[in-house]
Amino acid sequence: MSTLRQFSEKDKNYFAYQARQNYLRQQMSVYGELDAVKLREQQALAREQTALEEKAAAIAEVERLKALLARK
């Protein structure tokens, strides 16, 4: 009977270990996805900022050209 209990305890321990490992794998997957989402958001923000800077530069150039034409 004690041998049977030992096997039963080993099984319980093994299944608990497997459950912990599966949980950790799931958490790593979730964290990986969150990191990917954050990276995509940062990239989108950087692209938006670049577009705004280009637009501001274009407006400044138009104003410069208008000023040149007004002088002539």
PDB file of N, CA and C in Angstrom:
ATOM      1  N   MET A   1       0.816  -1.199   0.000  1.00  0.00           N
ATOM      2  CA  MET A   1       0.000   0.000   0.000  1.00  0.00           C
ATOM      3  C   MET A   1       0.862   1.267   0.000  1.00  0.00           C
ATOM      4  N   SER A   2       1.983   1.215   0.723  1.00  0.00           N
ATOM      5  CA  SER A   2       2.832   2.408   0.756  1.00  0.00           C
ATOM      6  C   SER A   2       3.446   2.677  -0.614  1.00  0.00           C
ATOM      7  N   THR A   3       3.720   1.610  -1.367  1.00  0.00           N
ATOM      8  CA  THR A   3       4.247   1.798  -2.719  1.00  0.00           C
ATOM      9  C   THR A   3       3.217   2.497  -3.587  1.00  0.00           C
ATOM     10  N   LEU A   4       1.989   2.100  -3.429  1.00  0.00           N
ATOM     11  CA  LEU A   4       0.903   2.724  -4.180  1.00  0.00           C
ATOM     12  C   LEU A   4       0.779   4.202  -3.817  1.00  0.00           C
ATOM     13  N   ARG A   5       0.909   4.541  -2.541  1.00  0.00           N
ATOM     14  CA  ARG A   5       0.865   5.944  -2.107  1.00  0.00           C
ATOM     15  C   ARG A   5       2.037   6.732  -2.689  1.00  0.00           C
ATOM     16  N   GLN A   6       3.202   6.094  -2.726  1.00  0.00           N
ATOM     17  CA  GLN A   6       4.370   6.766  -3.288  1.00  0.00           C
ATOM     18  C   GLN A   6       4.137   7.101  -4.760  1.00  0.00           C
ATOM     19  N   PHE A   7       3.603   6.145  -5.501  1.00  0.00           N
ATOM     20  CA  PHE A   7       3.306   6.398  -6.913  1.00  0.00           C
ATOM     21  C   PHE A   7       2.266   7.502  -7.052  1.00  0.00           C
ATOM     22  N   SER A   8       1.253   7.452  -6.192  1.00  0.00           N
ATOM     23  CA  SER A   8       0.204   8.455  -6.234  1.00  0.00           C
ATOM     24  C   SER A   8       0.782   9.844  -5.948  1.00  0.00           C
ATOM     25  N   GLU A   9       1.646   9.954  -4.939  1.00  0.00           N
ATOM     26  CA  GLU A   9       2.278  11.238  -4.616  1.00  0.00           C
ATOM     27  C   GLU A   9       3.164  11.711  -5.770  1.00  0.00           C
ATOM     28  N   LYS A  10       3.897  10.787  -6.368  1.00  0.00           N
ATOM     29  CA  LYS A  10       4.758  11.154  -7.495  1.00  0.00           C
ATOM     30  C   LYS A  10       3.920  11.666  -8.665  1.00  0.00           C
ATOM     31  N   ASP A  11       2.799  11.001  -8.904  1.00  0.00           N
ATOM     32  CA  ASP A  11       1.898  11.452  -9.973  1.00  0.00           C
ATOM     33  C   ASP A  11       1.371  12.853  -9.680  1.00  0.00           C
ATOM     34  N   LYS A  12       0.927  13.074  -8.443  1.00  0.00           N
ATOM     35  CA  LYS A  12       0.420  14.395  -8.072  1.00  0.00           C
ATOM     36  C   LYS A  12       1.490  15.461  -8.254  1.00  0.00           C
ATOM     37  N   ASN A  13       2.686  15.146  -7.798  1.00  0.00           N
ATOM     38  CA  ASN A  13       3.785  16.105  -7.929  1.00  0.00           C
ATOM     39  C   ASN A  13       4.113  16.376  -9.393  1.00  0.00           C
ATOM     40  N   TYR A  14       4.113  15.308 -10.191  1.00  0.00           N
ATOM     41  CA  TYR A  14       4.403  15.467 -11.616  1.00  0.00           C
ATOM     42  C   TYR A  14       3.347  16.332 -12.299  1.00  0.00           C
ATOM     43  N   PHE A  15       2.089  16.073 -12.017  1.00  0.00           N
ATOM     44  CA  PHE A  15       1.021  16.849 -12.643  1.00  0.00           C
ATOM     45  C   PHE A  15       1.037  18.303 -12.165  1.00  0.00           C
ATOM     46  N   ALA A  16       1.373  18.521 -10.904  1.00  0.00           N
ATOM     47  CA  ALA A  16       1.505  19.895 -10.403  1.00  0.00           C
ATOM     48  C   ALA A  16       2.655  20.598 -11.113  1.00  0.00           C
ATOM     49  N   TYR A  17       3.759  19.892 -11.298  1.00  0.00           N
ATOM     50  CA  TYR A  17       4.906  20.457 -12.018  1.00  0.00           C
ATOM     51  C   TYR A  17       4.517  20.807 -13.451  1.00  0.00           C
ATOM     52  N   GLN A  18       3.839  19.899 -14.114  1.00  0.00           N
ATOM     53  CA  GLN A  18       3.410  20.139 -15.501  1.00  0.00           C
ATOM     54  C   GLN A  18       2.459  21.337 -15.571  1.00  0.00           C
ATOM     55  N   ALA A  19       1.565  21.455 -14.607  1.00  0.00           N
ATOM     56  CA  ALA A  19       0.628  22.581 -14.592  1.00  0.00           C
ATOM     57  C   ALA A  19       1.399  23.895 -14.425  1.00  0.00           C
ATOM     58  N   ARG A  20       2.400  23.898 -13.542  1.00  0.00           N
ATOM     59  CA  ARG A  20       3.203  25.115 -13.362  1.00  0.00           C
ATOM     60  C   ARG A  20       3.955  25.462 -14.642  1.00  0.00           C
ATOM     61  N   GLN A  21       4.523  24.450 -15.283  1.00  0.00           N
ATOM     62  CA  GLN A  21       5.261  24.696 -16.529  1.00  0.00           C
ATOM     63  C   GLN A  21       4.336  25.244 -17.613  1.00  0.00           C
ATOM     64  N   ASN A  22       3.142  24.681 -17.725  1.00  0.00           N
ATOM     65  CA  ASN A  22       2.186  25.166 -18.722  1.00  0.00           C
ATOM     66  C   ASN A  22       1.770  26.604 -18.427  1.00  0.00           C
ATOM     67  N   TYR A  23       1.563  26.896 -17.155  1.00  0.00           N
ATOM     68  CA  TYR A  23       1.204  28.263 -16.768  1.00  0.00           C
ATOM     69  C   TYR A  23       2.320  29.234 -17.149  1.00  0.00           C
ATOM     70  N   LEU A  24       3.558  28.865 -16.849  1.00  0.00           N
ATOM     71  CA  LEU A  24       4.684  29.739 -17.183  1.00  0.00           C
ATOM     72  C   LEU A  24       4.812  29.942 -18.694  1.00  0.00           C
ATOM     73  N   ARG A  25       4.582  28.890 -19.463  1.00  0.00           N
ATOM     74  CA  ARG A  25       4.623  29.023 -20.929  1.00  0.00           C
ATOM     75  C   ARG A  25       3.539  29.983 -21.417  1.00  0.00           C
ATOM     76  N   GLN A  26       2.358  29.867 -20.859  1.00  0.00           N
ATOM     77  CA  GLN A  26       1.268  30.767 -21.246  1.00  0.00           C
ATOM     78  C   GLN A  26       1.601  32.208 -20.892  1.00  0.00           C
ATOM     79  N   GLN A  27       2.157  32.419 -19.715  1.00  0.00           N
ATOM     80  CA  GLN A  27       2.512  33.778 -19.297  1.00  0.00           C
ATOM     81  C   GLN A  27       3.581  34.366 -20.205  1.00  0.00           C
ATOM     82  N   MET A  28       4.568  33.569 -20.562  1.00  0.00           N
ATOM     83  CA  MET A  28       5.616  34.054 -21.465  1.00  0.00           C
ATOM     84  C   MET A  28       5.025  34.420 -22.824  1.00  0.00           C
ATOM     85  N   SER A  29       4.066  33.642 -23.274  1.00  0.00           N
ATOM     86  CA  SER A  29       3.404  33.931 -24.539  1.00  0.00           C
ATOM     87  C   SER A  29       2.630  35.244 -24.454  1.00  0.00           C
ATOM     88  N   VAL A  30       1.921  35.438 -23.358  1.00  0.00           N
ATOM     89  CA  VAL A  30       1.154  36.670 -23.160  1.00  0.00           C
ATOM     90  C   VAL A  30       2.087  37.866 -23.114  1.00  0.00           C
ATOM     91  N   TYR A  31       3.180  37.739 -22.345  1.00  0.00           N
ATOM     92  CA  TYR A  31       4.129  38.853 -22.256  1.00  0.00           C
ATOM     93  C   TYR A  31       4.778  39.145 -23.606  1.00  0.00           C
ATOM     94  N   GLY A  32       5.042  38.104 -24.374  1.00  0.00           N
ATOM     95  CA  GLY A  32       5.603  38.299 -25.712  1.00  0.00           C
ATOM     96  C   GLY A  32       4.643  39.073 -26.603  1.00  0.00           C
ATOM     97  N   GLU A  33       3.369  38.727 -26.535  1.00  0.00           N
ATOM     98  CA  GLU A  33       2.362  39.437 -27.325  1.00  0.00           C
ATOM     99  C   GLU A  33       2.250  40.898 -26.886  1.00  0.00           C
ATOM    100  N   LEU A  34       2.270  41.136 -25.584  1.00  0.00           N
ATOM    101  CA  LEU A  34       2.198  42.511 -25.083  1.00  0.00           C
ATOM    102  C   LEU A  34       3.394  43.327 -25.558  1.00  0.00           C
ATOM    103  N   ASP A  35       4.566  42.721 -25.522  1.00  0.00           N
ATOM    104  CA  ASP A  35       5.758  43.423 -26.000  1.00  0.00           C
ATOM    105  C   ASP A  35       5.642  43.758 -27.484  1.00  0.00           C
ATOM    106  N   ALA A  36       5.096  42.827 -28.264  1.00  0.00           N
ATOM    107  CA  ALA A  36       4.931  43.063 -29.695  1.00  0.00           C
ATOM    108  C   ALA A  36       3.941  44.202 -29.945  1.00  0.00           C
ATOM    109  N   VAL A  37       2.864  44.231 -29.177  1.00  0.00           N
ATOM    110  CA  VAL A  37       1.867  45.296 -29.324  1.00  0.00           C
ATOM    111  C   VAL A  37       2.484  46.648 -28.967  1.00  0.00           C
ATOM    112  N   LYS A  38       3.232  46.683 -27.870  1.00  0.00           N
ATOM    113  CA  LYS A  38       3.887  47.934 -27.473  1.00  0.00           C
ATOM    114  C   LYS A  38       4.855  48.414 -28.546  1.00  0.00           C
ATOM    115  N   LEU A  39       5.604  47.491 -29.123  1.00  0.00           N
ATOM    116  CA  LEU A  39       6.552  47.854 -30.175  1.00  0.00           C
ATOM    117  C   LEU A  39       5.828  48.422 -31.385  1.00  0.00           C
ATOM    118  N   ARG A  40       4.722  47.789 -31.782  1.00  0.00           N
ATOM    119  CA  ARG A  40       3.955  48.294 -32.932  1.00  0.00           C
ATOM    120  C   ARG A  40       3.388  49.683 -32.641  1.00  0.00           C
ATOM    121  N   GLU A  41       2.928  49.897 -31.416  1.00  0.00           N
ATOM    122  CA  GLU A  41       2.403  51.220 -31.052  1.00  0.00           C
ATOM    123  C   GLU A  41       3.503  52.279 -31.094  1.00  0.00           C
ATOM    124  N   GLN A  42       4.682  51.941 -30.596  1.00  0.00           N
ATOM    125  CA  GLN A  42       5.793  52.880 -30.620  1.00  0.00           C
ATOM    126  C   GLN A  42       6.200  53.208 -32.053  1.00  0.00           C
ATOM    127  N   GLN A  43       6.217  52.208 -32.912  1.00  0.00           N
ATOM    128  CA  GLN A  43       6.569  52.432 -34.303  1.00  0.00           C
ATOM    129  C   GLN A  43       5.529  53.317 -34.986  1.00  0.00           C
ATOM    130  N   ALA A  44       4.272  53.077 -34.712  1.00  0.00           N
ATOM    131  CA  ALA A  44       3.212  53.895 -35.299  1.00  0.00           C
ATOM    132  C   ALA A  44       3.325  55.341 -34.810  1.00  0.00           C
ATOM    133  N   LEU A  45       3.615  55.511 -33.544  1.00  0.00           N
ATOM    134  CA  LEU A  45       3.785  56.850 -32.999  1.00  0.00           C
ATOM    135  C   LEU A  45       4.978  57.562 -33.645  1.00  0.00           C
ATOM    136  N   ALA A  46       6.054  56.840 -33.833  1.00  0.00           N
ATOM    137  CA  ALA A  46       7.235  57.427 -34.475  1.00  0.00           C
ATOM    138  C   ALA A  46       6.917  57.833 -35.912  1.00  0.00           C
ATOM    139  N   ARG A  47       6.181  56.993 -36.634  1.00  0.00           N
ATOM    140  CA  ARG A  47       5.806  57.339 -38.013  1.00  0.00           C
ATOM    141  C   ARG A  47       4.914  58.575 -38.035  1.00  0.00           C
ATOM    142  N   GLU A  48       3.982  58.644 -37.093  1.00  0.00           N
ATOM    143  CA  GLU A  48       3.089  59.792 -37.022  1.00  0.00           C
ATOM    144  C   GLU A  48       3.884  61.064 -36.711  1.00  0.00           C
ATOM    145  N   GLN A  49       4.823  60.975 -35.801  1.00  0.00           N
ATOM    146  CA  GLN A  49       5.644  62.134 -35.453  1.00  0.00           C
ATOM    147  C   GLN A  49       6.471  62.582 -36.653  1.00  0.00           C
ATOM    148  N   THR A  50       7.032  61.646 -37.392  1.00  0.00           N
ATOM    149  CA  THR A  50       7.808  61.974 -38.586  1.00  0.00           C
ATOM    150  C   THR A  50       6.924  62.663 -39.618  1.00  0.00           C
ATOM    151  N   ALA A  51       5.720  62.166 -39.794  1.00  0.00           N
ATOM    152  CA  ALA A  51       4.797  62.776 -40.760  1.00  0.00           C
ATOM    153  C   ALA A  51       4.455  64.207 -40.347  1.00  0.00           C
ATOM    154  N   LEU A  52       4.234  64.420 -39.062  1.00  0.00           N
ATOM    155  CA  LEU A  52       3.932  65.774 -38.587  1.00  0.00           C
ATOM    156  C   LEU A  52       5.117  66.709 -38.807  1.00  0.00           C
ATOM    157  N   GLU A  53       6.324  66.227 -38.557  1.00  0.00           N
ATOM    158  CA  GLU A  53       7.516  67.044 -38.770  1.00  0.00           C
ATOM    159  C   GLU A  53       7.684  67.381 -40.242  1.00  0.00           C
ATOM    160  N   GLU A  54       7.431  66.413 -41.126  1.00  0.00           N
ATOM    161  CA  GLU A  54       7.537  66.661 -42.565  1.00  0.00           C
ATOM    162  C   GLU A  54       6.492  67.679 -43.008  1.00  0.00           C
ATOM    163  N   LYS A  55       5.283  67.574 -42.454  1.00  0.00           N
ATOM    164  CA  LYS A  55       4.225  68.513 -42.806  1.00  0.00           C
ATOM    165  C   LYS A  55       4.602  69.920 -42.346  1.00  0.00           C
ATOM    166  N   ALA A  56       5.147  70.035 -41.140  1.00  0.00           N
ATOM    167  CA  ALA A  56       5.559  71.348 -40.627  1.00  0.00           C
ATOM    168  C   ALA A  56       6.680  71.928 -41.492  1.00  0.00           C
ATOM    169  N   ALA A  57       7.601  71.091 -41.934  1.00  0.00           N
ATOM    170  CA  ALA A  57       8.689  71.559 -42.794  1.00  0.00           C
ATOM    171  C   ALA A  57       8.139  72.023 -44.139  1.00  0.00           C
ATOM    172  N   ALA A  58       7.155  71.300 -44.669  1.00  0.00           N
ATOM    173  CA  ALA A  58       6.559  71.682 -45.945  1.00  0.00           C
ATOM    174  C   ALA A  58       5.828  73.018 -45.814  1.00  0.00           C
ATOM    175  N   ILE A  59       5.115  73.211 -44.714  1.00  0.00           N
ATOM    176  CA  ILE A  59       4.403  74.472 -44.499  1.00  0.00           C
ATOM    177  C   ILE A  59       5.396  75.616 -44.375  1.00  0.00           C
ATOM    178  N   ALA A  60       6.483  75.377 -43.667  1.00  0.00           N
ATOM    179  CA  ALA A  60       7.515  76.415 -43.525  1.00  0.00           C
ATOM    180  C   ALA A  60       8.113  76.766 -44.881  1.00  0.00           C
ATOM    181  N   GLU A  61       8.328  75.786 -45.718  1.00  0.00           N
ATOM    182  CA  GLU A  61       8.883  76.034 -47.055  1.00  0.00           C
ATOM    183  C   GLU A  61       7.901  76.833 -47.905  1.00  0.00           C
ATOM    184  N   VAL A  62       6.619  76.511 -47.821  1.00  0.00           N
ATOM    185  CA  VAL A  62       5.606  77.261 -48.563  1.00  0.00           C
ATOM    186  C   VAL A  62       5.592  78.715 -48.094  1.00  0.00           C
ATOM    187  N   GLU A  63       5.669  78.917 -46.799  1.00  0.00           N
ATOM    188  CA  GLU A  63       5.686  80.282 -46.268  1.00  0.00           C
ATOM    189  C   GLU A  63       6.934  81.027 -46.733  1.00  0.00           C
ATOM    190  N   ARG A  64       8.066  80.339 -46.776  1.00  0.00           N
ATOM    191  CA  ARG A  64       9.298  80.965 -47.248  1.00  0.00           C
ATOM    192  C   ARG A  64       9.164  81.392 -48.704  1.00  0.00           C
ATOM    193  N   LEU A  65       8.590  80.496 -49.503  1.00  0.00           N
ATOM    194  CA  LEU A  65       8.417  80.808 -50.924  1.00  0.00           C
ATOM    195  C   LEU A  65       7.421  81.948 -51.117  1.00  0.00           C
ATOM    196  N   LYS A  66       6.351  81.979 -50.334  1.00  0.00           N
ATOM    197  CA  LYS A  66       5.391  83.084 -50.409  1.00  0.00           C
ATOM    198  C   LYS A  66       6.068  84.406 -50.090  1.00  0.00           C
ATOM    199  N   ALA A  67       6.941  84.381 -49.074  1.00  0.00           N
ATOM    200  CA  ALA A  67       7.647  85.604 -48.695  1.00  0.00           C
ATOM    201  C   ALA A  67       8.577  86.058 -49.815  1.00  0.00           C
ATOM    202  N   LEU A  68       9.210  85.125 -50.485  1.00  0.00           N
ATOM    203  CA  LEU A  68      10.089  85.474 -51.618  1.00  0.00           C
ATOM    204  C   LEU A  68       9.270  86.110 -52.750  1.00  0.00           C
ATOM    205  N   LEU A  69       8.114  85.524 -53.028  1.00  0.00           N
ATOM    206  CA  LEU A  69       7.275  86.074 -54.097  1.00  0.00           C
ATOM    207  C   LEU A  69       6.738  87.466 -53.720  1.00  0.00           C
ATOM    208  N   ALA A  70       6.440  87.654 -52.470  1.00  0.00           N
ATOM    209  CA  ALA A  70       5.899  88.946 -52.038  1.00  0.00           C
ATOM    210  C   ALA A  70       6.942  90.041 -52.173  1.00  0.00           C
ATOM    211  N   ARG A  71       8.197  89.723 -52.025  1.00  0.00           N
ATOM    212  CA  ARG A  71       9.274  90.712 -52.155  1.00  0.00           C
ATOM    213  C   ARG A  71       9.453  91.175 -53.586  1.00  0.00           C
ATOM    214  N   LYS A  72       9.127  90.342 -54.527  1.00  0.00           N
ATOM    215  CA  LYS A  72       9.381  90.678 -55.938  1.00  0.00           C
ATOM    216  C   LYS A  72       8.257  91.451 -56.548  1.00  0.00           C
TER     217      LYS A  72
END
